[in-house]
Protein backbone atom coordinates (compact mmCIF):
# COMPACT_ATOMS: atom_id res chain seq x y z
CA MET A 1 -55.27 24.21 -59.68
CA ALA A 2 -55.17 20.42 -59.75
CA ILE A 3 -57.03 18.49 -57.06
CA VAL A 4 -55.33 15.27 -55.98
CA GLU A 5 -57.59 12.67 -54.33
CA VAL A 6 -55.80 10.68 -51.62
CA ALA A 7 -57.09 7.91 -49.33
CA ALA A 8 -55.45 7.17 -45.99
CA GLY A 9 -55.95 4.31 -43.56
CA LEU A 10 -56.45 4.66 -39.83
CA ILE A 11 -55.11 1.29 -38.69
CA ARG A 12 -55.09 0.40 -34.98
CA ASP A 13 -53.47 -2.49 -33.19
CA GLY A 14 -54.86 -4.39 -30.21
CA ALA A 15 -53.34 -1.81 -27.84
CA GLY A 16 -55.19 1.04 -29.58
CA ARG A 17 -52.10 2.50 -31.26
CA TYR A 18 -52.23 3.95 -34.79
CA LEU A 19 -49.88 2.92 -37.57
CA ILE A 20 -47.98 5.78 -39.22
CA ALA A 21 -45.34 5.68 -41.96
CA GLN A 22 -42.46 8.02 -42.72
CA ARG A 23 -42.42 9.51 -46.23
CA ALA A 24 -39.51 8.34 -48.36
CA PRO A 25 -36.54 10.58 -49.22
CA GLY A 26 -37.09 12.39 -52.51
CA SER A 27 -40.89 12.31 -52.22
CA HIS A 28 -43.22 15.25 -51.64
CA LEU A 29 -42.96 16.12 -47.91
CA ALA A 30 -40.06 13.66 -47.50
CA GLY A 31 -39.28 12.69 -43.92
CA LEU A 32 -42.69 13.61 -42.51
CA TRP A 33 -44.90 10.94 -40.93
CA GLU A 34 -48.37 10.15 -42.26
CA PHE A 35 -51.20 7.68 -42.10
CA PRO A 36 -50.52 5.08 -44.84
CA GLY A 37 -52.30 5.41 -48.17
CA GLY A 38 -51.88 7.18 -51.45
CA LYS A 39 -53.25 8.79 -54.58
CA ARG A 40 -56.33 7.53 -56.34
CA HIS A 41 -55.82 6.28 -59.90
CA ALA A 42 -58.32 7.01 -62.67
CA GLY A 43 -61.27 4.63 -62.49
CA GLU A 44 -60.69 3.61 -58.85
CA THR A 45 -63.03 4.24 -55.98
CA LEU A 46 -61.38 5.68 -52.89
CA GLU A 47 -61.84 2.33 -51.14
CA GLN A 48 -60.18 0.44 -54.01
CA CYS A 49 -57.34 2.96 -53.98
CA LEU A 50 -56.77 2.49 -50.27
CA ARG A 51 -56.81 -1.31 -50.46
CA ARG A 52 -54.27 -1.20 -53.32
CA GLU A 53 -52.02 1.33 -51.60
CA LEU A 54 -52.01 -0.59 -48.31
CA VAL A 55 -50.99 -3.83 -50.08
CA GLU A 56 -48.22 -1.95 -51.94
CA GLU A 57 -46.94 -0.16 -48.82
CA LEU A 58 -47.56 -2.72 -46.09
CA GLY A 59 -47.79 -6.10 -47.85
CA ALA A 60 -51.07 -7.03 -46.16
CA SER A 61 -54.78 -6.93 -47.03
CA PHE A 62 -57.15 -4.67 -45.14
CA VAL A 63 -60.88 -4.24 -44.81
CA VAL A 64 -61.67 -0.59 -45.52
CA GLY A 65 -64.39 0.61 -43.18
CA GLU A 66 -66.15 3.91 -42.67
CA ARG A 67 -64.80 7.21 -43.93
CA ILE A 68 -64.43 9.37 -40.84
CA ALA A 69 -63.13 12.62 -42.31
CA THR A 70 -62.11 14.43 -45.48
CA VAL A 71 -59.55 17.21 -45.21
CA HIS A 72 -58.87 19.62 -48.08
CA TRP A 73 -55.45 21.25 -48.06
CA ASP A 74 -53.99 23.80 -50.46
CA TYR A 75 -50.32 23.52 -51.36
CA PRO A 76 -48.73 26.05 -53.74
CA GLU A 77 -48.81 23.58 -56.65
CA LYS A 78 -51.95 21.54 -55.87
CA THR A 79 -54.94 20.96 -53.63
CA VAL A 80 -55.15 17.65 -51.80
CA ALA A 81 -58.45 16.08 -50.77
CA LEU A 82 -57.40 13.55 -48.13
CA HIS A 83 -60.04 10.97 -47.19
CA PHE A 84 -59.46 9.07 -43.92
CA TYR A 85 -60.94 5.58 -43.48
CA ARG A 86 -60.90 3.20 -40.56
CA CYS A 87 -59.18 -0.02 -41.64
CA ARG A 88 -58.54 -3.39 -40.07
CA LEU A 89 -56.11 -6.10 -41.00
CA GLU A 90 -57.75 -8.84 -43.05
CA SER A 91 -54.78 -11.07 -43.93
CA GLY A 92 -51.01 -11.06 -44.05
CA ALA A 93 -48.40 -9.42 -41.86
CA ILE A 94 -47.76 -5.68 -41.79
CA ALA A 95 -44.24 -4.83 -42.97
CA PRO A 96 -42.75 -1.84 -44.78
CA HIS A 97 -42.73 -2.65 -48.52
CA ALA A 98 -42.03 0.88 -49.77
CA ALA A 99 -38.76 1.19 -47.77
CA GLN A 100 -40.36 3.59 -45.32
CA ALA A 101 -40.14 3.46 -41.53
CA LEU A 102 -43.28 2.44 -39.64
CA ALA A 103 -44.32 3.27 -36.08
CA TRP A 104 -47.23 2.25 -33.86
CA VAL A 105 -48.19 5.34 -31.86
CA GLU A 106 -50.60 5.89 -28.99
CA PRO A 107 -53.22 8.54 -29.83
CA ALA A 108 -51.88 10.89 -27.13
CA ARG A 109 -48.39 10.77 -28.73
CA LEU A 110 -49.40 11.42 -32.36
CA SER A 111 -48.67 15.13 -31.97
CA ASP A 112 -45.05 14.21 -31.06
CA TYR A 113 -44.50 13.25 -34.72
CA ASP A 114 -43.98 15.66 -37.61
CA LEU A 115 -47.06 15.03 -39.76
CA PRO A 116 -48.22 17.04 -42.81
CA PRO A 117 -50.95 19.62 -42.08
CA PRO A 118 -53.84 17.52 -43.46
CA ASP A 119 -52.89 14.60 -41.17
CA ARG A 120 -52.37 16.93 -38.19
CA ALA A 121 -55.90 18.26 -38.72
CA LEU A 122 -57.24 14.85 -37.69
CA ILE A 123 -55.05 14.23 -34.63
CA GLU A 124 -57.21 16.15 -32.15
CA ARG A 125 -60.25 14.09 -33.10
CA LEU A 126 -58.32 10.80 -32.76
CA GLN A 127 -56.95 11.86 -29.37
CA ALA A 128 -60.45 12.73 -28.15
CA GLU A 129 -61.62 9.23 -29.17
CA GLY A 130 -58.70 7.72 -27.24
């Protein structure tokens, strides 16, 4: 079974809320919310992948910090290795560039959103951190 490497950014605002994005119609898991990021291309490091994906999705540059978790999840057609990194805005303004909805969500409210299982696996840890 194919393993897909994905990097996702944990981006917080000054009020401590996390940025999540809604998956576009017609995409895998369409309509669910997720931490922004995407699939690694051949030859990219996970950090390079995340920087590229965040520019493509959000139109801003980010500093990719520490990796705080990796979640492996088996779907019927593939296995996803989802790597979560803390990120902070470096330059530009955050805006949806991939036509997806964005939301800033307090850690305690993350479980109110319909997130894919690999993202949900991280919510408890983020809520414990506050």
